Structures are given as C-alpha cells and as structure tokens.
C-alpha cells in the first residue's frame, strides 16, 4: 500500500497528515490565535481539521477517533464540548479522549484525529 504524506508547511519534524491503509492520521492541531477564548480556539482547530480531512478526500463523518488535550480541563471542558457538540457529525460519533496536558505555547487545546478515507 502507498503511504501519502502531506506537509504543507514544510516542517522539518512532522507532517500535517499521513494517509495509509484506508485511514488519514492528522497531527495535533493547535489554534492559530492563542489569545482567543476556548470557544474560538476550538472552532479554529475544528475548521483546520475539516480542511485537512477534505484535502485527504474525506470528512468529519468518517472520523474514527480524536484525541483532545486541554491546557486546563476544569476551566475549559464545558466550553470545548459546547463547540464540539455543534461540529461533530451526530450520526457518526468518533471515539474520543480528552485529557489535561501542558501544551506548547499559550494555546488552550490541541486535537489529533484519525479518519477513514474512501477506497481508491
């Protein structure tokens, strides 16, 4: 099987996504504006996830799993979930983990995801 690697920002340490064996694996995505609210940062990250999924030929309806890291779980869990619930495909809920972590920079969250891709 062919492995497709996408690295639009030409980063030396990781790519944006890797597609292999019918799945696209998205690297952790952080918000572009670290000063925004948890709702705004969440919406920003989810827009980027949708764009990367579309670039891989799939969509949020094909999400298999998502891993969410919040800088402050107690403060931001409900705000994050409010945006997530409005975005996620309710008919195709992915497995999801959500934990607190020390994040790089001042962003409030990071999300990595895996989605199925259509057969070639």
C-alpha atoms as a PDB file:
ATOM      1  CA  UNK A   1       0.000   0.000   0.000  1.00  0.00           C
ATOM      2  CA  UNK A   2       1.113   3.514  -0.751  1.00  0.00           C
ATOM      3  CA  UNK A   3       1.756   5.933   2.083  1.00  0.00           C
ATOM      4  CA  UNK A   4       0.783   9.549   1.284  1.00  0.00           C
ATOM      5  CA  UNK A   5       2.433  12.224   3.411  1.00  0.00           C
ATOM      6  CA  UNK A   6       1.272  15.847   3.427  1.00  0.00           C
ATOM      7  CA  UNK A   7       3.493  18.560   4.877  1.00  0.00           C
ATOM      8  CA  UNK A   8       2.079  21.866   3.580  1.00  0.00           C
ATOM      9  CA  UNK A   9       4.160  23.965   5.981  1.00  0.00           C
ATOM     10  CA  UNK A  10       7.342  22.078   5.103  1.00  0.00           C
ATOM     11  CA  UNK A  11       8.085  21.388   8.759  1.00  0.00           C
ATOM     12  CA  UNK A  12      11.325  19.521   9.437  1.00  0.00           C
ATOM     13  CA  UNK A  13       9.941  17.458  12.360  1.00  0.00           C
ATOM     14  CA  UNK A  14       6.454  16.303  11.286  1.00  0.00           C
ATOM     15  CA  UNK A  15       3.875  16.372   8.541  1.00  0.00           C
ATOM     16  CA  UNK A  16       0.284  17.599   8.624  1.00  0.00           C
ATOM     17  CA  UNK A  17      -1.124  14.162   7.856  1.00  0.00           C
ATOM     18  CA  UNK A  18      -0.273  10.660   6.734  1.00  0.00           C
ATOM     19  CA  UNK A  19      -2.723   8.533   4.751  1.00  0.00           C
ATOM     20  CA  UNK A  20      -2.201   4.785   4.796  1.00  0.00           C
ATOM     21  CA  UNK A  21      -4.288   1.632   4.714  1.00  0.00           C
ATOM     22  CA  UNK A  22      -7.624   3.440   4.336  1.00  0.00           C
ATOM     23  CA  UNK A  23      -7.065   5.984   7.107  1.00  0.00           C
ATOM     24  CA  UNK A  24      -5.744   9.515   7.373  1.00  0.00           C
ATOM     25  CA  UNK A  25      -3.855  10.370  10.570  1.00  0.00           C
ATOM     26  CA  UNK A  26      -3.822  14.082  11.392  1.00  0.00           C
ATOM     27  CA  UNK A  27      -1.031  15.517  13.507  1.00  0.00           C
ATOM     28  CA  UNK A  28      -2.002  17.505  16.570  1.00  0.00           C
ATOM     29  CA  UNK A  29      -3.585  20.787  15.501  1.00  0.00           C
ATOM     30  CA  UNK A  30      -3.326  23.880  17.666  1.00  0.00           C
ATOM     31  CA  UNK A  31      -5.212  27.173  17.305  1.00  0.00           C
ATOM     32  CA  UNK A  32      -3.778  29.967  15.180  1.00  0.00           C
ATOM     33  CA  UNK A  33      -4.770  32.642  17.748  1.00  0.00           C
ATOM     34  CA  UNK A  34      -3.574  31.712  21.223  1.00  0.00           C
ATOM     35  CA  UNK A  35      -5.250  34.787  22.754  1.00  0.00           C
ATOM     36  CA  UNK A  36      -8.785  33.787  21.718  1.00  0.00           C
ATOM     37  CA  UNK A  37     -11.368  32.162  24.003  1.00  0.00           C
ATOM     38  CA  UNK A  38     -11.694  28.387  24.300  1.00  0.00           C
ATOM     39  CA  UNK A  39     -14.769  28.511  22.034  1.00  0.00           C
ATOM     40  CA  UNK A  40     -12.917  30.488  19.356  1.00  0.00           C
ATOM     41  CA  UNK A  41      -9.802  28.325  19.600  1.00  0.00           C
ATOM     42  CA  UNK A  42     -11.892  25.160  19.376  1.00  0.00           C
ATOM     43  CA  UNK A  43     -13.768  26.421  16.305  1.00  0.00           C
ATOM     44  CA  UNK A  44     -10.442  27.383  14.691  1.00  0.00           C
ATOM     45  CA  UNK A  45      -8.929  23.934  15.263  1.00  0.00           C
ATOM     46  CA  UNK A  46     -12.072  22.160  14.049  1.00  0.00           C
ATOM     47  CA  UNK A  47     -12.066  24.252  10.835  1.00  0.00           C
ATOM     48  CA  UNK A  48      -8.461  23.182  10.242  1.00  0.00           C
ATOM     49  CA  UNK A  49      -9.375  19.538  10.874  1.00  0.00           C
ATOM     50  CA  UNK A  50     -12.164  19.797   8.296  1.00  0.00           C
ATOM     51  CA  UNK A  51      -9.772  21.379   5.778  1.00  0.00           C
ATOM     52  CA  UNK A  52      -7.171  18.663   6.288  1.00  0.00           C
ATOM     53  CA  UNK A  53      -9.788  15.919   6.053  1.00  0.00           C
ATOM     54  CA  UNK A  54     -11.092  17.437   2.798  1.00  0.00           C
ATOM     55  CA  UNK A  55      -7.522  17.605   1.492  1.00  0.00           C
ATOM     56  CA  UNK A  56      -7.255  13.870   2.200  1.00  0.00           C
ATOM     57  CA  UNK A  57     -10.540  13.202   0.386  1.00  0.00           C
ATOM     58  CA  UNK A  58     -12.684  12.537   3.444  1.00  0.00           C
ATOM     59  CA  UNK A  59     -14.810  14.371   6.022  1.00  0.00           C
ATOM     60  CA  UNK A  60     -15.745  14.572   9.696  1.00  0.00           C
ATOM     61  CA  UNK A  61     -18.451  11.943   9.034  1.00  0.00           C
ATOM     62  CA  UNK A  62     -15.580   9.457   8.608  1.00  0.00           C
ATOM     63  CA  UNK A  63     -13.805  10.328  11.874  1.00  0.00           C
ATOM     64  CA  UNK A  64     -12.729   7.218  13.733  1.00  0.00           C
ATOM     65  CA  UNK A  65     -11.086   8.832  16.734  1.00  0.00           C
ATOM     66  CA  UNK A  66      -9.977  12.163  18.168  1.00  0.00           C
ATOM     67  CA  UNK A  67      -7.548  12.891  20.962  1.00  0.00           C
ATOM     68  CA  UNK A  68      -8.057  16.233  22.688  1.00  0.00           C
ATOM     69  CA  UNK A  69      -5.574  17.878  25.010  1.00  0.00           C
ATOM     70  CA  UNK A  70      -6.798  20.838  27.076  1.00  0.00           C
ATOM     71  CA  UNK A  71      -4.431  23.124  28.976  1.00  0.00           C
ATOM     72  CA  UNK A  72      -6.973  23.413  31.811  1.00  0.00           C
ATOM     73  CA  UNK A  73      -9.574  20.647  31.864  1.00  0.00           C
ATOM     74  CA  UNK A  74     -11.579  22.100  34.755  1.00  0.00           C
ATOM     75  CA  UNK A  75     -11.854  25.554  33.183  1.00  0.00           C
ATOM     76  CA  UNK A  76     -12.288  24.652  29.503  1.00  0.00           C
ATOM     77  CA  UNK A  77     -14.009  21.252  29.244  1.00  0.00           C
ATOM     78  CA  UNK A  78     -17.562  22.594  29.019  1.00  0.00           C
ATOM     79  CA  UNK A  79     -16.630  25.425  26.634  1.00  0.00           C
ATOM     80  CA  UNK A  80     -14.801  22.980  24.397  1.00  0.00           C
ATOM     81  CA  UNK A  81     -17.671  20.471  24.467  1.00  0.00           C
ATOM     82  CA  UNK A  82     -20.245  23.141  23.543  1.00  0.00           C
ATOM     83  CA  UNK A  83     -18.388  23.832  20.285  1.00  0.00           C
ATOM     84  CA  UNK A  84     -17.515  20.167  19.675  1.00  0.00           C
ATOM     85  CA  UNK A  85     -21.178  19.087  20.004  1.00  0.00           C
ATOM     86  CA  UNK A  86     -22.208  21.646  17.393  1.00  0.00           C
ATOM     87  CA  UNK A  87     -19.493  20.500  14.988  1.00  0.00           C
ATOM     88  CA  UNK A  88     -19.272  16.722  15.255  1.00  0.00           C
ATOM     89  CA  UNK A  89     -21.433  14.539  12.991  1.00  0.00           C
ATOM     90  CA  UNK A  90     -24.009  13.215  15.491  1.00  0.00           C
ATOM     91  CA  UNK A  91     -24.770  10.207  13.274  1.00  0.00           C
ATOM     92  CA  UNK A  92     -21.101   9.219  13.145  1.00  0.00           C
ATOM     93  CA  UNK A  93     -19.601   9.964  16.552  1.00  0.00           C
ATOM     94  CA  UNK A  94     -15.899   9.094  16.792  1.00  0.00           C
ATOM     95  CA  UNK A  95     -14.176   7.564  19.769  1.00  0.00           C
ATOM     96  CA  UNK A  96     -12.703  10.485  21.733  1.00  0.00           C
ATOM     97  CA  UNK A  97     -10.275  11.015  24.556  1.00  0.00           C
ATOM     98  CA  UNK A  98      -9.942  14.338  26.365  1.00  0.00           C
ATOM     99  CA  UNK A  99      -7.200  14.976  28.889  1.00  0.00           C
ATOM    100  CA  UNK A 100      -5.336  17.832  30.502  1.00  0.00           C
ATOM    101  CA  UNK A 101      -1.778  18.477  29.321  1.00  0.00           C
ATOM    102  CA  UNK A 102       0.949  21.073  29.358  1.00  0.00           C
ATOM    103  CA  UNK A 103       0.820  22.396  25.798  1.00  0.00           C
ATOM    104  CA  UNK A 104       3.472  24.104  23.723  1.00  0.00           C
ATOM    105  CA  UNK A 105       2.865  27.854  23.607  1.00  0.00           C
ATOM    106  CA  UNK A 106      -0.176  29.531  25.119  1.00  0.00           C
ATOM    107  CA  UNK A 107      -2.927  27.747  23.201  1.00  0.00           C
ATOM    108  CA  UNK A 108      -5.741  26.203  25.206  1.00  0.00           C
ATOM    109  CA  UNK A 109      -6.093  22.973  23.229  1.00  0.00           C
ATOM    110  CA  UNK A 110      -4.666  20.589  20.676  1.00  0.00           C
ATOM    111  CA  UNK A 111      -6.536  17.908  18.718  1.00  0.00           C
ATOM    112  CA  UNK A 112      -5.205  14.933  16.729  1.00  0.00           C
ATOM    113  CA  UNK A 113      -7.582  12.785  14.693  1.00  0.00           C
ATOM    114  CA  UNK A 114      -7.864   9.644  12.571  1.00  0.00           C
ATOM    115  CA  UNK A 115     -10.480   9.264   9.827  1.00  0.00           C
ATOM    116  CA  UNK A 116     -11.333   6.647   7.220  1.00  0.00           C
ATOM    117  CA  UNK A 117     -10.646   7.514   3.617  1.00  0.00           C
ATOM    118  CA  UNK A 118     -12.704   6.326   0.657  1.00  0.00           C
ATOM    119  CA  UNK A 119     -11.342   3.343  -1.300  1.00  0.00           C
ATOM    120  CA  UNK A 120      -9.099   4.347  -4.194  1.00  0.00           C
END
